[in-house]
Amino acid sequence: MVLVSGFSVGHGPAHSLNTPARLEDLLAAEQVVRSSGRWYTIVRPTWLTSDPPGRYALTLTQDPCADGMLPRADLARVCLAAIYEPEARGKTFAAFAEPGSAPAQWMPMFAALAPDHLVRP
């Protein structure tokens, strides 16, 4: 399963998007997914745009203070890749776009991320 959460979760209560109730709800949803016993990936997209898909390089990071922009269509591509790529399982990460070429392969991007049990997302 893939849960689309929010990048502001990593920022904690200091981020202007995070009301106490919103942050509590997002953290609780992530914890339910992590403790489900199912294969999962949690994606924390940054600010969403309507840019065309595949126009930018994508960065997947476990930096809790990640920020940036991400085309909605590229978020969908990340989610679909996470479903099919075993290296994405058990990981939580933020995603954003940067200048450059769209990813040709997803496995190395997911493989570079640490499993949730080794990091505090």
PDB file of N, CA and C in Angstrom:
ATOM      1  N   MET A   1       0.842  -1.162   0.000  1.00  0.00           N
ATOM      2  CA  MET A   1       0.000   0.000   0.000  1.00  0.00           C
ATOM      3  C   MET A   1       0.893   1.232   0.000  1.00  0.00           C
ATOM      4  N   VAL A   2       0.383   2.306  -0.555  1.00  0.00           N
ATOM      5  CA  VAL A   2       1.097   3.577  -0.582  1.00  0.00           C
ATOM      6  C   VAL A   2       0.212   4.622   0.086  1.00  0.00           C
ATOM      7  N   LEU A   3       0.746   5.265   1.108  1.00  0.00           N
ATOM      8  CA  LEU A   3       0.053   6.362   1.775  1.00  0.00           C
ATOM      9  C   LEU A   3       0.684   7.666   1.316  1.00  0.00           C
ATOM     10  N   VAL A   4      -0.143   8.583   0.841  1.00  0.00           N
ATOM     11  CA  VAL A   4       0.324   9.930   0.520  1.00  0.00           C
ATOM     12  C   VAL A   4       0.033  10.781   1.748  1.00  0.00           C
ATOM     13  N   SER A   5       1.081  11.196   2.415  1.00  0.00           N
ATOM     14  CA  SER A   5       0.992  11.997   3.629  1.00  0.00           C
ATOM     15  C   SER A   5       1.293  13.446   3.262  1.00  0.00           C
ATOM     16  N   GLY A   6       2.139  14.126   3.987  1.00  0.00           N
ATOM     17  CA  GLY A   6       2.492  15.507   3.685  1.00  0.00           C
ATOM     18  C   GLY A   6       3.894  15.834   4.158  1.00  0.00           C
ATOM     19  N   PHE A   7       4.615  16.623   3.365  1.00  0.00           N
ATOM     20  CA  PHE A   7       6.001  16.935   3.713  1.00  0.00           C
ATOM     21  C   PHE A   7       6.112  17.676   5.032  1.00  0.00           C
ATOM     22  N   SER A   8       5.084  18.428   5.412  1.00  0.00           N
ATOM     23  CA  SER A   8       5.170  19.222   6.635  1.00  0.00           C
ATOM     24  C   SER A   8       5.250  18.352   7.889  1.00  0.00           C
ATOM     25  N   VAL A   9       4.896  17.082   7.778  1.00  0.00           N
ATOM     26  CA  VAL A   9       4.986  16.175   8.927  1.00  0.00           C
ATOM     27  C   VAL A   9       6.409  16.158   9.470  1.00  0.00           C
ATOM     28  N   GLY A  10       7.378  16.087   8.579  1.00  0.00           N
ATOM     29  CA  GLY A  10       8.767  16.053   9.008  1.00  0.00           C
ATOM     30  C   GLY A  10       9.212  17.313   9.730  1.00  0.00           C
ATOM     31  N   HIS A  11       8.574  18.417   9.417  1.00  0.00           N
ATOM     32  CA  HIS A  11       8.924  19.694  10.034  1.00  0.00           C
ATOM     33  C   HIS A  11       8.385  19.810  11.460  1.00  0.00           C
ATOM     34  N   GLY A  12       7.383  19.001  11.789  1.00  0.00           N
ATOM     35  CA  GLY A  12       6.802  19.043  13.120  1.00  0.00           C
ATOM     36  C   GLY A  12       5.906  20.247  13.331  1.00  0.00           C
ATOM     37  N   PRO A  13       5.658  20.592  14.585  1.00  0.00           N
ATOM     38  CA  PRO A  13       4.713  21.670  14.890  1.00  0.00           C
ATOM     39  C   PRO A  13       5.171  23.052  14.431  1.00  0.00           C
ATOM     40  N   ALA A  14       6.436  23.198  14.079  1.00  0.00           N
ATOM     41  CA  ALA A  14       6.935  24.516  13.666  1.00  0.00           C
ATOM     42  C   ALA A  14       6.420  24.942  12.287  1.00  0.00           C
ATOM     43  N   HIS A  15       5.988  23.987  11.452  1.00  0.00           N
ATOM     44  CA  HIS A  15       5.553  24.341  10.091  1.00  0.00           C
ATOM     45  C   HIS A  15       4.158  24.965  10.131  1.00  0.00           C
ATOM     46  N   SER A  16       3.986  26.017   9.343  1.00  0.00           N
ATOM     47  CA  SER A  16       2.719  26.760   9.360  1.00  0.00           C
ATOM     48  C   SER A  16       1.522  25.930   8.882  1.00  0.00           C
ATOM     49  N   LEU A  17       1.726  24.881   8.128  1.00  0.00           N
ATOM     50  CA  LEU A  17       0.612  24.022   7.705  1.00  0.00           C
ATOM     51  C   LEU A  17       0.110  23.125   8.830  1.00  0.00           C
ATOM     52  N   ASN A  18       0.940  22.912   9.824  1.00  0.00           N
ATOM     53  CA  ASN A  18       0.627  21.930  10.859  1.00  0.00           C
ATOM     54  C   ASN A  18      -0.109  22.533  12.040  1.00  0.00           C
ATOM     55  N   THR A  19      -1.421  22.399  12.026  1.00  0.00           N
ATOM     56  CA  THR A  19      -2.158  22.650  13.257  1.00  0.00           C
ATOM     57  C   THR A  19      -1.931  21.417  14.133  1.00  0.00           C
ATOM     58  N   PRO A  20      -2.116  21.524  15.435  1.00  0.00           N
ATOM     59  CA  PRO A  20      -1.926  20.336  16.268  1.00  0.00           C
ATOM     60  C   PRO A  20      -2.783  19.150  15.807  1.00  0.00           C
ATOM     61  N   ALA A  21      -4.027  19.411  15.441  1.00  0.00           N
ATOM     62  CA  ALA A  21      -4.918  18.318  15.015  1.00  0.00           C
ATOM     63  C   ALA A  21      -4.459  17.711  13.691  1.00  0.00           C
ATOM     64  N   ARG A  22      -4.044  18.545  12.741  1.00  0.00           N
ATOM     65  CA  ARG A  22      -3.597  18.036  11.439  1.00  0.00           C
ATOM     66  C   ARG A  22      -2.350  17.172  11.599  1.00  0.00           C
ATOM     67  N   LEU A  23      -1.381  17.674  12.358  1.00  0.00           N
ATOM     68  CA  LEU A  23      -0.148  16.919  12.563  1.00  0.00           C
ATOM     69  C   LEU A  23      -0.430  15.599  13.276  1.00  0.00           C
ATOM     70  N   GLU A  24      -1.266  15.645  14.281  1.00  0.00           N
ATOM     71  CA  GLU A  24      -1.630  14.417  15.011  1.00  0.00           C
ATOM     72  C   GLU A  24      -2.299  13.414  14.080  1.00  0.00           C
ATOM     73  N   ASP A  25      -3.210  13.885  13.217  1.00  0.00           N
ATOM     74  CA  ASP A  25      -3.899  12.991  12.281  1.00  0.00           C
ATOM     75  C   ASP A  25      -2.935  12.362  11.279  1.00  0.00           C
ATOM     76  N   LEU A  26      -2.032  13.162  10.716  1.00  0.00           N
ATOM     77  CA  LEU A  26      -1.085  12.636   9.743  1.00  0.00           C
ATOM     78  C   LEU A  26      -0.133  11.629  10.381  1.00  0.00           C
ATOM     79  N   LEU A  27       0.379  11.958  11.554  1.00  0.00           N
ATOM     80  CA  LEU A  27       1.274  11.029  12.251  1.00  0.00           C
ATOM     81  C   LEU A  27       0.551   9.731  12.609  1.00  0.00           C
ATOM     82  N   ALA A  28      -0.709   9.844  13.034  1.00  0.00           N
ATOM     83  CA  ALA A  28      -1.482   8.655  13.373  1.00  0.00           C
ATOM     84  C   ALA A  28      -1.728   7.795  12.135  1.00  0.00           C
ATOM     85  N   ALA A  29      -2.052   8.414  11.016  1.00  0.00           N
ATOM     86  CA  ALA A  29      -2.266   7.660   9.776  1.00  0.00           C
ATOM     87  C   ALA A  29      -0.992   6.931   9.371  1.00  0.00           C
ATOM     88  N   GLU A  30       0.146   7.623   9.450  1.00  0.00           N
ATOM     89  CA  GLU A  30       1.412   6.974   9.110  1.00  0.00           C
ATOM     90  C   GLU A  30       1.684   5.795  10.037  1.00  0.00           C
ATOM     91  N   GLN A  31       1.410   5.956  11.318  1.00  0.00           N
ATOM     92  CA  GLN A  31       1.681   4.879  12.271  1.00  0.00           C
ATOM     93  C   GLN A  31       0.769   3.678  12.032  1.00  0.00           C
ATOM     94  N   VAL A  32      -0.480   3.924  11.676  1.00  0.00           N
ATOM     95  CA  VAL A  32      -1.400   2.820  11.367  1.00  0.00           C
ATOM     96  C   VAL A  32      -0.858   2.016  10.189  1.00  0.00           C
ATOM     97  N   VAL A  33      -0.381   2.706   9.166  1.00  0.00           N
ATOM     98  CA  VAL A  33       0.170   2.028   7.994  1.00  0.00           C
ATOM     99  C   VAL A  33       1.418   1.237   8.381  1.00  0.00           C
ATOM    100  N   ARG A  34       2.324   1.864   9.139  1.00  0.00           N
ATOM    101  CA  ARG A  34       3.559   1.171   9.529  1.00  0.00           C
ATOM    102  C   ARG A  34       3.285  -0.075  10.355  1.00  0.00           C
ATOM    103  N   SER A  35       2.280  -0.023  11.212  1.00  0.00           N
ATOM    104  CA  SER A  35       2.007  -1.153  12.111  1.00  0.00           C
ATOM    105  C   SER A  35       1.015  -2.158  11.519  1.00  0.00           C
ATOM    106  N   SER A  36       0.631  -1.977  10.271  1.00  0.00           N
ATOM    107  CA  SER A  36      -0.382  -2.839   9.648  1.00  0.00           C
ATOM    108  C   SER A  36       0.109  -4.250   9.350  1.00  0.00           C
ATOM    109  N   GLY A  37       1.415  -4.440   9.282  1.00  0.00           N
ATOM    110  CA  GLY A  37       1.939  -5.738   8.899  1.00  0.00           C
ATOM    111  C   GLY A  37       1.957  -5.948   7.391  1.00  0.00           C
ATOM    112  N   ARG A  38       1.543  -4.959   6.642  1.00  0.00           N
ATOM    113  CA  ARG A  38       1.519  -5.030   5.172  1.00  0.00           C
ATOM    114  C   ARG A  38       2.746  -4.330   4.606  1.00  0.00           C
ATOM    115  N   TRP A  39       3.067  -4.669   3.356  1.00  0.00           N
ATOM    116  CA  TRP A  39       4.093  -3.902   2.663  1.00  0.00           C
ATOM    117  C   TRP A  39       3.545  -2.510   2.429  1.00  0.00           C
ATOM    118  N   TYR A  40       4.367  -1.516   2.687  1.00  0.00           N
ATOM    119  CA  TYR A  40       3.890  -0.140   2.544  1.00  0.00           C
ATOM    120  C   TYR A  40       5.020   0.763   2.089  1.00  0.00           C
ATOM    121  N   THR A  41       4.605   1.910   1.590  1.00  0.00           N
ATOM    122  CA  THR A  41       5.486   3.037   1.321  1.00  0.00           C
ATOM    123  C   THR A  41       4.710   4.281   1.724  1.00  0.00           C
ATOM    124  N   ILE A  42       5.377   5.209   2.412  1.00  0.00           N
ATOM    125  CA  ILE A  42       4.748   6.473   2.773  1.00  0.00           C
ATOM    126  C   ILE A  42       5.475   7.579   2.031  1.00  0.00           C
ATOM    127  N   VAL A  43       4.721   8.296   1.198  1.00  0.00           N
ATOM    128  CA  VAL A  43       5.269   9.382   0.400  1.00  0.00           C
ATOM    129  C   VAL A  43       4.778  10.696   1.000  1.00  0.00           C
ATOM    130  N   ARG A  44       5.716  11.594   1.228  1.00  0.00           N
ATOM    131  CA  ARG A  44       5.404  12.930   1.749  1.00  0.00           C
ATOM    132  C   ARG A  44       5.701  13.951   0.646  1.00  0.00           C
ATOM    133  N   PRO A  45       4.752  14.172  -0.251  1.00  0.00           N
ATOM    134  CA  PRO A  45       5.016  15.113  -1.348  1.00  0.00           C
ATOM    135  C   PRO A  45       5.132  16.540  -0.832  1.00  0.00           C
ATOM    136  N   THR A  46       5.925  17.317  -1.537  1.00  0.00           N
ATOM    137  CA  THR A  46       6.045  18.737  -1.222  1.00  0.00           C
ATOM    138  C   THR A  46       4.898  19.474  -1.921  1.00  0.00           C
ATOM    139  N   TRP A  47       5.008  20.788  -2.038  1.00  0.00           N
ATOM    140  CA  TRP A  47       3.954  21.602  -2.646  1.00  0.00           C
ATOM    141  C   TRP A  47       3.633  21.086  -4.038  1.00  0.00           C
ATOM    142  N   LEU A  48       2.363  20.798  -4.285  1.00  0.00           N
ATOM    143  CA  LEU A  48       1.964  20.211  -5.565  1.00  0.00           C
ATOM    144  C   LEU A  48       1.681  21.280  -6.614  1.00  0.00           C
ATOM    145  N   THR A  49       2.099  20.981  -7.853  1.00  0.00           N
ATOM    146  CA  THR A  49       1.879  21.884  -8.986  1.00  0.00           C
ATOM    147  C   THR A  49       1.143  21.138 -10.088  1.00  0.00           C
ATOM    148  N   SER A  50       0.732  21.871 -11.089  1.00  0.00           N
ATOM    149  CA  SER A  50       0.071  21.282 -12.258  1.00  0.00           C
ATOM    150  C   SER A  50       1.015  21.195 -13.451  1.00  0.00           C
ATOM    151  N   ASP A  51       2.320  21.270 -13.225  1.00  0.00           N
ATOM    152  CA  ASP A  51       3.292  21.139 -14.314  1.00  0.00           C
ATOM    153  C   ASP A  51       3.123  19.783 -14.993  1.00  0.00           C
ATOM    154  N   PRO A  52       3.528  19.690 -16.259  1.00  0.00           N
ATOM    155  CA  PRO A  52       3.443  18.399 -16.959  1.00  0.00           C
ATOM    156  C   PRO A  52       4.371  17.363 -16.325  1.00  0.00           C
ATOM    157  N   PRO A  53       4.003  16.092 -16.447  1.00  0.00           N
ATOM    158  CA  PRO A  53       4.838  15.030 -15.872  1.00  0.00           C
ATOM    159  C   PRO A  53       6.144  14.866 -16.639  1.00  0.00           C
ATOM    160  N   GLY A  54       7.161  14.398 -15.909  1.00  0.00           N
ATOM    161  CA  GLY A  54       8.424  14.034 -16.538  1.00  0.00           C
ATOM    162  C   GLY A  54       9.278  15.195 -16.995  1.00  0.00           C
ATOM    163  N   ARG A  55       8.961  16.378 -16.569  1.00  0.00           N
ATOM    164  CA  ARG A  55       9.720  17.560 -16.989  1.00  0.00           C
ATOM    165  C   ARG A  55      10.964  17.776 -16.131  1.00  0.00           C
ATOM    166  N   TYR A  56      10.983  17.212 -14.928  1.00  0.00           N
ATOM    167  CA  TYR A  56      12.050  17.477 -13.964  1.00  0.00           C
ATOM    168  C   TYR A  56      12.670  16.181 -13.437  1.00  0.00           C
ATOM    169  N   ALA A  57      13.851  16.341 -12.865  1.00  0.00           N
ATOM    170  CA  ALA A  57      14.429  15.269 -12.067  1.00  0.00           C
ATOM    171  C   ALA A  57      13.642  15.213 -10.761  1.00  0.00           C
ATOM    172  N   LEU A  58      13.574  14.062 -10.171  1.00  0.00           N
ATOM    173  CA  LEU A  58      12.867  13.920  -8.904  1.00  0.00           C
ATOM    174  C   LEU A  58      13.858  13.538  -7.818  1.00  0.00           C
ATOM    175  N   THR A  59      13.669  14.111  -6.653  1.00  0.00           N
ATOM    176  CA  THR A  59      14.482  13.781  -5.495  1.00  0.00           C
ATOM    177  C   THR A  59      13.596  13.121  -4.458  1.00  0.00           C
ATOM    178  N   LEU A  60      14.053  11.997  -3.950  1.00  0.00           N
ATOM    179  CA  LEU A  60      13.407  11.310  -2.839  1.00  0.00           C
ATOM    180  C   LEU A  60      14.368  11.436  -1.667  1.00  0.00           C
ATOM    181  N   THR A  61      13.892  11.957  -0.556  1.00  0.00           N
ATOM    182  CA  THR A  61      14.777  12.226   0.572  1.00  0.00           C
ATOM    183  C   THR A  61      14.098  11.928   1.898  1.00  0.00           C
ATOM    184  N   GLN A  62      14.913  11.576   2.870  1.00  0.00           N
ATOM    185  CA  GLN A  62      14.417  11.387   4.228  1.00  0.00           C
ATOM    186  C   GLN A  62      14.810  12.562   5.130  1.00  0.00           C
ATOM    187  N   ASP A  63      15.221  13.646   4.512  1.00  0.00           N
ATOM    188  CA  ASP A  63      15.484  14.883   5.244  1.00  0.00           C
ATOM    189  C   ASP A  63      14.141  15.375   5.791  1.00  0.00           C
ATOM    190  N   PRO A  64      13.988  15.474   7.112  1.00  0.00           N
ATOM    191  CA  PRO A  64      12.695  15.871   7.664  1.00  0.00           C
ATOM    192  C   PRO A  64      12.281  17.294   7.292  1.00  0.00           C
ATOM    193  N   CYS A  65      13.216  18.120   6.883  1.00  0.00           N
ATOM    194  CA  CYS A  65      12.894  19.503   6.539  1.00  0.00           C
ATOM    195  C   CYS A  65      12.834  19.722   5.032  1.00  0.00           C
ATOM    196  N   ALA A  66      12.645  18.662   4.262  1.00  0.00           N
ATOM    197  CA  ALA A  66      12.556  18.778   2.802  1.00  0.00           C
ATOM    198  C   ALA A  66      11.434  19.739   2.424  1.00  0.00           C
ATOM    199  N   ASP A  67      11.656  20.454   1.342  1.00  0.00           N
ATOM    200  CA  ASP A  67      10.656  21.391   0.830  1.00  0.00           C
ATOM    201  C   ASP A  67      10.915  21.556  -0.656  1.00  0.00           C
ATOM    202  N   GLY A  68       9.929  21.956  -1.386  1.00  0.00           N
ATOM    203  CA  GLY A  68      10.079  22.151  -2.817  1.00  0.00           C
ATOM    204  C   GLY A  68       8.737  22.046  -3.506  1.00  0.00           C
ATOM    205  N   MET A  69       8.774  21.806  -4.788  1.00  0.00           N
ATOM    206  CA  MET A  69       7.567  21.667  -5.610  1.00  0.00           C
ATOM    207  C   MET A  69       7.575  20.289  -6.250  1.00  0.00           C
ATOM    208  N   LEU A  70       6.383  19.783  -6.559  1.00  0.00           N
ATOM    209  CA  LEU A  70       6.265  18.478  -7.188  1.00  0.00           C
ATOM    210  C   LEU A  70       5.017  18.454  -8.069  1.00  0.00           C
ATOM    211  N   PRO A  71       5.178  18.197  -9.358  1.00  0.00           N
ATOM    212  CA  PRO A  71       3.984  18.058 -10.207  1.00  0.00           C
ATOM    213  C   PRO A  71       3.111  16.893  -9.727  1.00  0.00           C
ATOM    214  N   ARG A  72       1.806  17.113  -9.722  1.00  0.00           N
ATOM    215  CA  ARG A  72       0.881  16.067  -9.297  1.00  0.00           C
ATOM    216  C   ARG A  72       1.078  14.779 -10.094  1.00  0.00           C
ATOM    217  N   ALA A  73       1.290  14.924 -11.394  1.00  0.00           N
ATOM    218  CA  ALA A  73       1.484  13.739 -12.241  1.00  0.00           C
ATOM    219  C   ALA A  73       2.755  12.993 -11.847  1.00  0.00           C
ATOM    220  N   ASP A  74       3.785  13.711 -11.400  1.00  0.00           N
ATOM    221  CA  ASP A  74       5.000  13.040 -10.952  1.00  0.00           C
ATOM    222  C   ASP A  74       4.782  12.358  -9.605  1.00  0.00           C
ATOM    223  N   LEU A  75       3.939  12.937  -8.760  1.00  0.00           N
ATOM    224  CA  LEU A  75       3.578  12.241  -7.519  1.00  0.00           C
ATOM    225  C   LEU A  75       2.918  10.910  -7.860  1.00  0.00           C
ATOM    226  N   ALA A  76       2.037  10.908  -8.831  1.00  0.00           N
ATOM    227  CA  ALA A  76       1.396   9.663  -9.254  1.00  0.00           C
ATOM    228  C   ALA A  76       2.432   8.667  -9.759  1.00  0.00           C
ATOM    229  N   ARG A  77       3.427   9.145 -10.508  1.00  0.00           N
ATOM    230  CA  ARG A  77       4.489   8.260 -11.001  1.00  0.00           C
ATOM    231  C   ARG A  77       5.282   7.657  -9.842  1.00  0.00           C
ATOM    232  N   VAL A  78       5.589   8.463  -8.832  1.00  0.00           N
ATOM    233  CA  VAL A  78       6.309   7.963  -7.656  1.00  0.00           C
ATOM    234  C   VAL A  78       5.475   6.881  -6.958  1.00  0.00           C
ATOM    235  N   CYS A  79       4.197   7.132  -6.795  1.00  0.00           N
ATOM    236  CA  CYS A  79       3.328   6.166  -6.110  1.00  0.00           C
ATOM    237  C   CYS A  79       3.237   4.854  -6.886  1.00  0.00           C
ATOM    238  N   LEU A  80       3.063   4.940  -8.183  1.00  0.00           N
ATOM    239  CA  LEU A  80       3.000   3.716  -8.998  1.00  0.00           C
ATOM    240  C   LEU A  80       4.320   2.959  -8.949  1.00  0.00           C
ATOM    241  N   ALA A  81       5.422   3.679  -9.026  1.00  0.00           N
ATOM    242  CA  ALA A  81       6.733   3.026  -8.950  1.00  0.00           C
ATOM    243  C   ALA A  81       6.900   2.335  -7.599  1.00  0.00           C
ATOM    244  N   ALA A  82       6.418   2.958  -6.532  1.00  0.00           N
ATOM    245  CA  ALA A  82       6.539   2.373  -5.193  1.00  0.00           C
ATOM    246  C   ALA A  82       5.743   1.080  -5.064  1.00  0.00           C
ATOM    247  N   ILE A  83       4.644   0.986  -5.780  1.00  0.00           N
ATOM    248  CA  ILE A  83       3.840  -0.240  -5.737  1.00  0.00           C
ATOM    249  C   ILE A  83       4.608  -1.403  -6.352  1.00  0.00           C
ATOM    250  N   TYR A  84       5.298  -1.119  -7.436  1.00  0.00           N
ATOM    251  CA  TYR A  84       5.956  -2.190  -8.195  1.00  0.00           C
ATOM    252  C   TYR A  84       7.409  -2.456  -7.807  1.00  0.00           C
ATOM    253  N   GLU A  85       8.039  -1.523  -7.114  1.00  0.00           N
ATOM    254  CA  GLU A  85       9.467  -1.668  -6.807  1.00  0.00           C
ATOM    255  C   GLU A  85       9.663  -2.142  -5.360  1.00  0.00           C
ATOM    256  N   PRO A  86      10.121  -3.368  -5.149  1.00  0.00           N
ATOM    257  CA  PRO A  86      10.320  -3.869  -3.786  1.00  0.00           C
ATOM    258  C   PRO A  86      11.238  -2.996  -2.927  1.00  0.00           C
ATOM    259  N   GLU A  87      12.181  -2.285  -3.534  1.00  0.00           N
ATOM    260  CA  GLU A  87      13.099  -1.427  -2.758  1.00  0.00           C
ATOM    261  C   GLU A  87      12.376  -0.272  -2.065  1.00  0.00           C
ATOM    262  N   ALA A  88      11.129   0.011  -2.438  1.00  0.00           N
ATOM    263  CA  ALA A  88      10.375   1.105  -1.818  1.00  0.00           C
ATOM    264  C   ALA A  88       9.660   0.668  -0.538  1.00  0.00           C
ATOM    265  N   ARG A  89       9.600  -0.615  -0.297  1.00  0.00           N
ATOM    266  CA  ARG A  89       8.809  -1.135   0.828  1.00  0.00           C
ATOM    267  C   ARG A  89       9.413  -0.781   2.185  1.00  0.00           C
ATOM    268  N   GLY A  90       8.522  -0.394   3.091  1.00  0.00           N
ATOM    269  CA  GLY A  90       8.943  -0.103   4.453  1.00  0.00           C
ATOM    270  C   GLY A  90       9.703   1.203   4.593  1.00  0.00           C
ATOM    271  N   LYS A  91       9.444   2.146   3.678  1.00  0.00           N
ATOM    272  CA  LYS A  91      10.186   3.410   3.694  1.00  0.00           C
ATOM    273  C   LYS A  91       9.245   4.611   3.658  1.00  0.00           C
ATOM    274  N   THR A  92       9.679   5.668   4.316  1.00  0.00           N
ATOM    275  CA  THR A  92       8.968   6.945   4.335  1.00  0.00           C
ATOM    276  C   THR A  92       9.919   7.994   3.792  1.00  0.00           C
ATOM    277  N   PHE A  93       9.421   8.820   2.874  1.00  0.00           N
ATOM    278  CA  PHE A  93      10.293   9.830   2.268  1.00  0.00           C
ATOM    279  C   PHE A  93       9.487  10.974   1.685  1.00  0.00           C
ATOM    280  N   ALA A  94      10.154  12.110   1.573  1.00  0.00           N
ATOM    281  CA  ALA A  94       9.585  13.267   0.882  1.00  0.00           C
ATOM    282  C   ALA A  94      10.014  13.212  -0.577  1.00  0.00           C
ATOM    283  N   ALA A  95       9.230  13.835  -1.437  1.00  0.00           N
ATOM    284  CA  ALA A  95       9.545  13.865  -2.867  1.00  0.00           C
ATOM    285  C   ALA A  95       9.384  15.291  -3.377  1.00  0.00           C
ATOM    286  N   PHE A  96      10.355  15.714  -4.192  1.00  0.00           N
ATOM    287  CA  PHE A  96      10.248  17.022  -4.839  1.00  0.00           C
ATOM    288  C   PHE A  96      10.997  17.012  -6.157  1.00  0.00           C
ATOM    289  N   ALA A  97      10.687  18.002  -6.990  1.00  0.00           N
ATOM    290  CA  ALA A  97      11.282  18.107  -8.324  1.00  0.00           C
ATOM    291  C   ALA A  97      12.441  19.087  -8.298  1.00  0.00           C
ATOM    292  N   GLU A  98      13.407  18.834  -9.187  1.00  0.00           N
ATOM    293  CA  GLU A  98      14.559  19.711  -9.355  1.00  0.00           C
ATOM    294  C   GLU A  98      14.877  19.789 -10.843  1.00  0.00           C
ATOM    295  N   PRO A  99      15.656  20.783 -11.242  1.00  0.00           N
ATOM    296  CA  PRO A  99      16.062  20.829 -12.651  1.00  0.00           C
ATOM    297  C   PRO A  99      16.799  19.543 -13.030  1.00  0.00           C
ATOM    298  N   GLY A 100      16.536  19.069 -14.219  1.00  0.00           N
ATOM    299  CA  GLY A 100      17.198  17.858 -14.697  1.00  0.00           C
ATOM    300  C   GLY A 100      16.229  16.954 -15.412  1.00  0.00           C
ATOM    301  N   SER A 101      16.693  15.761 -15.707  1.00  0.00           N
ATOM    302  CA  SER A 101      15.898  14.790 -16.460  1.00  0.00           C
ATOM    303  C   SER A 101      15.081  13.911 -15.525  1.00  0.00           C
ATOM    304  N   ALA A 102      13.938  13.494 -16.019  1.00  0.00           N
ATOM    305  CA  ALA A 102      13.085  12.574 -15.264  1.00  0.00           C
ATOM    306  C   ALA A 102      13.847  11.279 -15.006  1.00  0.00           C
ATOM    307  N   PRO A 103      13.546  10.608 -13.909  1.00  0.00           N
ATOM    308  CA  PRO A 103      14.264   9.373 -13.594  1.00  0.00           C
ATOM    309  C   PRO A 103      14.032   8.291 -14.641  1.00  0.00           C
ATOM    310  N   ALA A 104      15.107   7.604 -14.989  1.00  0.00           N
ATOM    311  CA  ALA A 104      15.013   6.498 -15.938  1.00  0.00           C
ATOM    312  C   ALA A 104      14.763   5.182 -15.200  1.00  0.00           C
ATOM    313  N   GLN A 105      15.254   5.089 -13.964  1.00  0.00           N
ATOM    314  CA  GLN A 105      15.096   3.879 -13.162  1.00  0.00           C
ATOM    315  C   GLN A 105      14.737   4.272 -11.733  1.00  0.00           C
ATOM    316  N   TRP A 106      13.794   3.552 -11.163  1.00  0.00           N
ATOM    317  CA  TRP A 106      13.345   3.858  -9.811  1.00  0.00           C
ATOM    318  C   TRP A 106      14.125   3.090  -8.752  1.00  0.00           C
ATOM    319  N   MET A 107      14.553   1.883  -9.049  1.00  0.00           N
ATOM    320  CA  MET A 107      15.182   1.042  -8.043  1.00  0.00           C
ATOM    321  C   MET A 107      16.334   1.740  -7.329  1.00  0.00           C
ATOM    322  N   PRO A 108      17.281   2.377  -8.036  1.00  0.00           N
ATOM    323  CA  PRO A 108      18.376   3.026  -7.309  1.00  0.00           C
ATOM    324  C   PRO A 108      17.904   4.163  -6.397  1.00  0.00           C
ATOM    325  N   MET A 109      16.862   4.842  -6.811  1.00  0.00           N
ATOM    326  CA  MET A 109      16.345   5.941  -5.979  1.00  0.00           C
ATOM    327  C   MET A 109      15.759   5.405  -4.680  1.00  0.00           C
ATOM    328  N   PHE A 110      14.975   4.332  -4.781  1.00  0.00           N
ATOM    329  CA  PHE A 110      14.383   3.729  -3.581  1.00  0.00           C
ATOM    330  C   PHE A 110      15.447   3.022  -2.746  1.00  0.00           C
ATOM    331  N   ALA A 111      16.417   2.389  -3.390  1.00  0.00           N
ATOM    332  CA  ALA A 111      17.468   1.663  -2.671  1.00  0.00           C
ATOM    333  C   ALA A 111      18.326   2.599  -1.824  1.00  0.00           C
ATOM    334  N   ALA A 112      18.434   3.850  -2.216  1.00  0.00           N
ATOM    335  CA  ALA A 112      19.250   4.816  -1.482  1.00  0.00           C
ATOM    336  C   ALA A 112      18.588   5.271  -0.177  1.00  0.00           C
ATOM    337  N   LEU A 113      17.326   4.937   0.020  1.00  0.00           N
ATOM    338  CA  LEU A 113      16.592   5.335   1.222  1.00  0.00           C
ATOM    339  C   LEU A 113      16.704   4.257   2.291  1.00  0.00           C
ATOM    340  N   ALA A 114      16.789   4.685   3.537  1.00  0.00           N
ATOM    341  CA  ALA A 114      16.861   3.734   4.648  1.00  0.00           C
ATOM    342  C   ALA A 114      15.463   3.234   5.019  1.00  0.00           C
ATOM    343  N   PRO A 115      15.351   1.971   5.419  1.00  0.00           N
ATOM    344  CA  PRO A 115      14.062   1.464   5.904  1.00  0.00           C
ATOM    345  C   PRO A 115      13.632   2.217   7.159  1.00  0.00           C
ATOM    346  N   ASP A 116      12.322   2.307   7.372  1.00  0.00           N
ATOM    347  CA  ASP A 116      11.807   3.056   8.519  1.00  0.00           C
ATOM    348  C   ASP A 116      12.379   2.585   9.846  1.00  0.00           C
ATOM    349  N   HIS A 117      12.638   1.303   9.998  1.00  0.00           N
ATOM    350  CA  HIS A 117      13.133   0.831  11.289  1.00  0.00           C
ATOM    351  C   HIS A 117      14.551   1.339  11.585  1.00  0.00           C
ATOM    352  N   LEU A 118      15.211   1.929  10.588  1.00  0.00           N
ATOM    353  CA  LEU A 118      16.566   2.470  10.810  1.00  0.00           C
ATOM    354  C   LEU A 118      16.596   3.988  10.934  1.00  0.00           C
ATOM    355  N   VAL A 119      15.471   4.645  10.639  1.00  0.00           N
ATOM    356  CA  VAL A 119      15.400   6.106  10.729  1.00  0.00           C
ATOM    357  C   VAL A 119      14.140   6.503  11.475  1.00  0.00           C
ATOM    358  N   ARG A 120      14.146   7.694  11.961  1.00  0.00           N
ATOM    359  CA  ARG A 120      12.943   8.249  12.602  1.00  0.00           C
ATOM    360  C   ARG A 120      12.319   9.206  11.601  1.00  0.00           C
ATOM    361  N   PRO A 121      11.294   8.731  10.829  1.00  0.00           N
ATOM    362  CA  PRO A 121      10.716   9.597   9.792  1.00  0.00           C
ATOM    363  C   PRO A 121       9.971  10.792  10.335  1.00  0.00           C
TER     364      PRO A 121
END
